[in-house]
Amino acid sequence: MADAKPDPPTVVIVDSLQDTLDMLRCALENAGFRVVEAGVDDLRHAAGDLAAFAVEQGATVIVYDVSLPYETNWRTVQACLAIPALADVGFIVTTTNEVAIYDLVGPSDNLQVIGKPYELREVVEAVRRAARRGANDRRAVQSAMMRRV
């Protein structure tokens, strides 16, 4: 009997435009990811909503569009970065104003900013890197825990 294939990494996409959600979903599904989507307005009003949604879906990576108002949307991402349950989740932020986001962003190992317009392959590659980094981080933690036993 062949070994069962592991489940594909789950990507949560959050954007305000349905066309963008559809486009990213198709590109990421074609790259082998499981994709779940939500509208920004559905989740941005409380970081806990996004965090709960991401945890419930088993997110490996979140792709979040930070649009106007930048500070409000950015605060949602910052709050999520501080939630322990999302510590291993990679965040990719898309935005039309990279400069404004970089002015608001502090250093983070699990955050990448991609300016619009972007090529779909940019987002797919960023998701691949974030998913690999998360898997490597989880393996390192598991290995360290096994050494303690």
C-alpha atoms as a PDB file:
ATOM      1  CA  MET A   1       0.000   0.000   0.000  1.00  0.00           C
ATOM      2  CA  ALA A   2       1.358   3.403  -0.964  1.00  0.00           C
ATOM      3  CA  ASP A   3       2.023   6.019   1.666  1.00  0.00           C
ATOM      4  CA  ALA A   4      -0.778   8.556   1.987  1.00  0.00           C
ATOM      5  CA  LYS A   5       0.089  11.956   0.562  1.00  0.00           C
ATOM      6  CA  PRO A   6       0.172  14.737   3.143  1.00  0.00           C
ATOM      7  CA  ASP A   7      -2.532  17.355   2.908  1.00  0.00           C
ATOM      8  CA  PRO A   8      -1.454  20.371   0.860  1.00  0.00           C
ATOM      9  CA  PRO A   9      -0.617  23.554   2.777  1.00  0.00           C
ATOM     10  CA  THR A  10      -3.619  25.807   3.338  1.00  0.00           C
ATOM     11  CA  VAL A  11      -3.526  29.415   2.172  1.00  0.00           C
ATOM     12  CA  VAL A  12      -6.064  31.927   3.468  1.00  0.00           C
ATOM     13  CA  ILE A  13      -6.559  34.817   1.035  1.00  0.00           C
ATOM     14  CA  VAL A  14      -8.163  38.021   2.313  1.00  0.00           C
ATOM     15  CA  ASP A  15      -8.913  40.743  -0.238  1.00  0.00           C
ATOM     16  CA  SER A  16     -11.632  43.305  -0.881  1.00  0.00           C
ATOM     17  CA  LEU A  17     -12.072  42.420  -4.573  1.00  0.00           C
ATOM     18  CA  GLN A  18     -13.748  39.186  -5.646  1.00  0.00           C
ATOM     19  CA  ASP A  19     -11.834  39.216  -8.953  1.00  0.00           C
ATOM     20  CA  THR A  20      -8.540  39.261  -7.062  1.00  0.00           C
ATOM     21  CA  LEU A  21      -9.713  36.483  -4.745  1.00  0.00           C
ATOM     22  CA  ASP A  22     -10.667  34.369  -7.771  1.00  0.00           C
ATOM     23  CA  MET A  23      -7.404  35.065  -9.593  1.00  0.00           C
ATOM     24  CA  LEU A  24      -5.214  34.241  -6.586  1.00  0.00           C
ATOM     25  CA  ARG A  25      -7.284  31.170  -5.708  1.00  0.00           C
ATOM     26  CA  CYS A  26      -6.871  29.747  -9.219  1.00  0.00           C
ATOM     27  CA  ALA A  27      -3.116  30.414  -9.304  1.00  0.00           C
ATOM     28  CA  LEU A  28      -2.519  28.944  -5.848  1.00  0.00           C
ATOM     29  CA  GLU A  29      -4.746  25.908  -6.395  1.00  0.00           C
ATOM     30  CA  ASN A  30      -2.908  25.224  -9.660  1.00  0.00           C
ATOM     31  CA  ALA A  31       0.337  25.371  -7.654  1.00  0.00           C
ATOM     32  CA  GLY A  32      -1.003  22.636  -5.349  1.00  0.00           C
ATOM     33  CA  PHE A  33      -2.267  24.624  -2.372  1.00  0.00           C
ATOM     34  CA  ARG A  34      -5.597  24.309  -0.594  1.00  0.00           C
ATOM     35  CA  VAL A  35      -7.135  27.794  -0.710  1.00  0.00           C
ATOM     36  CA  VAL A  36      -9.763  29.423   1.485  1.00  0.00           C
ATOM     37  CA  GLU A  37     -10.855  32.994   0.829  1.00  0.00           C
ATOM     38  CA  ALA A  38     -12.599  35.805   2.677  1.00  0.00           C
ATOM     39  CA  GLY A  39     -13.416  39.444   2.045  1.00  0.00           C
ATOM     40  CA  VAL A  40     -11.433  42.099   3.923  1.00  0.00           C
ATOM     41  CA  ASP A  41     -14.634  43.643   5.280  1.00  0.00           C
ATOM     42  CA  ASP A  42     -15.675  40.264   6.684  1.00  0.00           C
ATOM     43  CA  LEU A  43     -12.546  39.942   8.825  1.00  0.00           C
ATOM     44  CA  ARG A  44     -10.714  43.245   9.267  1.00  0.00           C
ATOM     45  CA  HIS A  45     -12.830  44.681  12.041  1.00  0.00           C
ATOM     46  CA  ALA A  46     -11.272  42.369  14.582  1.00  0.00           C
ATOM     47  CA  ALA A  47      -7.904  40.643  14.414  1.00  0.00           C
ATOM     48  CA  GLY A  48      -9.485  37.877  16.451  1.00  0.00           C
ATOM     49  CA  ASP A  49     -11.897  37.208  13.587  1.00  0.00           C
ATOM     50  CA  LEU A  50      -9.033  36.763  11.124  1.00  0.00           C
ATOM     51  CA  ALA A  51      -7.014  34.742  13.629  1.00  0.00           C
ATOM     52  CA  ALA A  52      -9.959  32.484  14.473  1.00  0.00           C
ATOM     53  CA  PHE A  53     -10.707  32.006  10.774  1.00  0.00           C
ATOM     54  CA  ALA A  54      -7.067  31.207   9.968  1.00  0.00           C
ATOM     55  CA  VAL A  55      -6.742  28.755  12.868  1.00  0.00           C
ATOM     56  CA  GLU A  56     -10.086  27.112  12.033  1.00  0.00           C
ATOM     57  CA  GLN A  57      -8.939  26.629   8.436  1.00  0.00           C
ATOM     58  CA  GLY A  58      -5.493  25.320   9.434  1.00  0.00           C
ATOM     59  CA  ALA A  59      -3.711  28.144   7.604  1.00  0.00           C
ATOM     60  CA  THR A  60      -0.056  27.744   6.728  1.00  0.00           C
ATOM     61  CA  VAL A  61       0.073  31.123   4.965  1.00  0.00           C
ATOM     62  CA  ILE A  62      -2.184  34.189   4.936  1.00  0.00           C
ATOM     63  CA  VAL A  63      -2.240  36.517   1.921  1.00  0.00           C
ATOM     64  CA  TYR A  64      -3.842  39.761   3.110  1.00  0.00           C
ATOM     65  CA  ASP A  65      -4.495  42.857   1.004  1.00  0.00           C
ATOM     66  CA  VAL A  66      -3.766  46.029   2.950  1.00  0.00           C
ATOM     67  CA  SER A  67      -5.724  48.776   1.235  1.00  0.00           C
ATOM     68  CA  LEU A  68      -7.074  52.118   2.383  1.00  0.00           C
ATOM     69  CA  PRO A  69      -7.221  52.941   5.198  1.00  0.00           C
ATOM     70  CA  TYR A  70      -3.689  51.530   5.477  1.00  0.00           C
ATOM     71  CA  GLU A  71      -3.296  52.012   9.222  1.00  0.00           C
ATOM     72  CA  THR A  72      -6.562  50.256  10.065  1.00  0.00           C
ATOM     73  CA  ASN A  73      -5.812  47.280   7.854  1.00  0.00           C
ATOM     74  CA  TRP A  74      -2.193  47.177   8.936  1.00  0.00           C
ATOM     75  CA  ARG A  75      -3.232  47.110  12.620  1.00  0.00           C
ATOM     76  CA  THR A  76      -5.217  43.948  11.863  1.00  0.00           C
ATOM     77  CA  VAL A  77      -2.102  42.286  10.423  1.00  0.00           C
ATOM     78  CA  GLN A  78       0.070  43.484  13.332  1.00  0.00           C
ATOM     79  CA  ALA A  79      -2.410  42.134  15.864  1.00  0.00           C
ATOM     80  CA  CYS A  80      -2.426  38.769  14.076  1.00  0.00           C
ATOM     81  CA  LEU A  81       1.379  38.649  14.055  1.00  0.00           C
ATOM     82  CA  ALA A  82       1.255  38.944  17.847  1.00  0.00           C
ATOM     83  CA  ILE A  83      -1.188  36.043  18.324  1.00  0.00           C
ATOM     84  CA  PRO A  84       0.676  32.910  19.490  1.00  0.00           C
ATOM     85  CA  ALA A  85      -1.628  30.536  17.570  1.00  0.00           C
ATOM     86  CA  LEU A  86      -0.424  32.193  14.342  1.00  0.00           C
ATOM     87  CA  ALA A  87       3.290  32.228  15.191  1.00  0.00           C
ATOM     88  CA  ASP A  88       4.130  29.653  12.500  1.00  0.00           C
ATOM     89  CA  VAL A  89       1.826  31.162   9.875  1.00  0.00           C
ATOM     90  CA  GLY A  90       3.524  33.142   7.120  1.00  0.00           C
ATOM     91  CA  PHE A  91       1.983  36.485   6.203  1.00  0.00           C
ATOM     92  CA  ILE A  92       2.128  37.963   2.747  1.00  0.00           C
ATOM     93  CA  VAL A  93       0.753  41.470   2.477  1.00  0.00           C
ATOM     94  CA  THR A  94      -0.262  42.877  -0.899  1.00  0.00           C
ATOM     95  CA  THR A  95      -0.756  46.608  -1.272  1.00  0.00           C
ATOM     96  CA  THR A  96      -0.815  49.456  -3.758  1.00  0.00           C
ATOM     97  CA  ASN A  97       1.353  51.544  -1.430  1.00  0.00           C
ATOM     98  CA  GLU A  98       4.443  49.635  -0.341  1.00  0.00           C
ATOM     99  CA  VAL A  99       6.026  52.820   1.023  1.00  0.00           C
ATOM    100  CA  ALA A 100       3.162  53.447   3.462  1.00  0.00           C
ATOM    101  CA  ILE A 101       3.269  49.842   4.656  1.00  0.00           C
ATOM    102  CA  TYR A 102       7.052  49.819   5.081  1.00  0.00           C
ATOM    103  CA  ASP A 103       6.691  53.024   7.132  1.00  0.00           C
ATOM    104  CA  LEU A 104       4.291  51.156   9.441  1.00  0.00           C
ATOM    105  CA  VAL A 105       6.081  47.773   9.486  1.00  0.00           C
ATOM    106  CA  GLY A 106       8.561  46.682  12.069  1.00  0.00           C
ATOM    107  CA  PRO A 107      10.926  43.792  11.393  1.00  0.00           C
ATOM    108  CA  SER A 108       9.295  40.373  11.066  1.00  0.00           C
ATOM    109  CA  ASP A 109      10.617  37.041   9.850  1.00  0.00           C
ATOM    110  CA  ASN A 110       7.224  35.768   8.773  1.00  0.00           C
ATOM    111  CA  LEU A 111       5.997  38.795   6.812  1.00  0.00           C
ATOM    112  CA  GLN A 112       6.555  39.753   3.186  1.00  0.00           C
ATOM    113  CA  VAL A 113       5.147  42.815   1.407  1.00  0.00           C
ATOM    114  CA  ILE A 114       4.327  42.617  -2.313  1.00  0.00           C
ATOM    115  CA  GLY A 115       3.420  45.824  -4.139  1.00  0.00           C
ATOM    116  CA  LYS A 116       0.679  46.045  -6.730  1.00  0.00           C
ATOM    117  CA  PRO A 117       0.597  45.532  -9.575  1.00  0.00           C
ATOM    118  CA  TYR A 118       2.230  42.160  -9.134  1.00  0.00           C
ATOM    119  CA  GLU A 119       2.769  39.069 -11.207  1.00  0.00           C
ATOM    120  CA  LEU A 120       0.820  36.034  -9.999  1.00  0.00           C
ATOM    121  CA  ARG A 121       4.038  34.017  -9.938  1.00  0.00           C
ATOM    122  CA  GLU A 122       5.433  36.517  -7.374  1.00  0.00           C
ATOM    123  CA  VAL A 123       2.622  35.689  -4.988  1.00  0.00           C
ATOM    124  CA  VAL A 124       2.828  31.937  -5.678  1.00  0.00           C
ATOM    125  CA  GLU A 125       6.596  31.930  -5.026  1.00  0.00           C
ATOM    126  CA  ALA A 126       6.180  33.997  -1.860  1.00  0.00           C
ATOM    127  CA  VAL A 127       3.531  31.531  -0.636  1.00  0.00           C
ATOM    128  CA  ARG A 128       5.851  28.589  -1.431  1.00  0.00           C
ATOM    129  CA  ARG A 129       8.696  30.184   0.553  1.00  0.00           C
ATOM    130  CA  ALA A 130       6.422  30.993   3.482  1.00  0.00           C
ATOM    131  CA  ALA A 131       4.946  27.473   3.497  1.00  0.00           C
ATOM    132  CA  ARG A 132       8.444  25.895   3.417  1.00  0.00           C
ATOM    133  CA  ARG A 133       9.682  28.187   6.186  1.00  0.00           C
ATOM    134  CA  GLY A 134       6.658  27.292   8.332  1.00  0.00           C
ATOM    135  CA  ALA A 135       7.179  23.572   7.734  1.00  0.00           C
ATOM    136  CA  ASN A 136      10.884  23.898   8.581  1.00  0.00           C
ATOM    137  CA  ASP A 137      10.067  25.856  11.759  1.00  0.00           C
ATOM    138  CA  ARG A 138       7.528  23.198  12.839  1.00  0.00           C
ATOM    139  CA  ARG A 139      10.037  20.382  12.149  1.00  0.00           C
ATOM    140  CA  ALA A 140      12.700  22.198  14.188  1.00  0.00           C
ATOM    141  CA  VAL A 141      10.305  22.593  17.136  1.00  0.00           C
ATOM    142  CA  GLN A 142       9.238  18.928  16.923  1.00  0.00           C
ATOM    143  CA  SER A 143      12.875  17.826  16.743  1.00  0.00           C
ATOM    144  CA  ALA A 144      13.781  19.934  19.780  1.00  0.00           C
ATOM    145  CA  MET A 145      10.827  18.498  21.708  1.00  0.00           C
ATOM    146  CA  MET A 146      11.887  14.931  20.820  1.00  0.00           C
ATOM    147  CA  ARG A 147      15.420  15.591  22.101  1.00  0.00           C
ATOM    148  CA  ARG A 148      13.972  16.654  25.481  1.00  0.00           C
ATOM    149  CA  VAL A 149      12.058  13.389  25.877  1.00  0.00           C
END
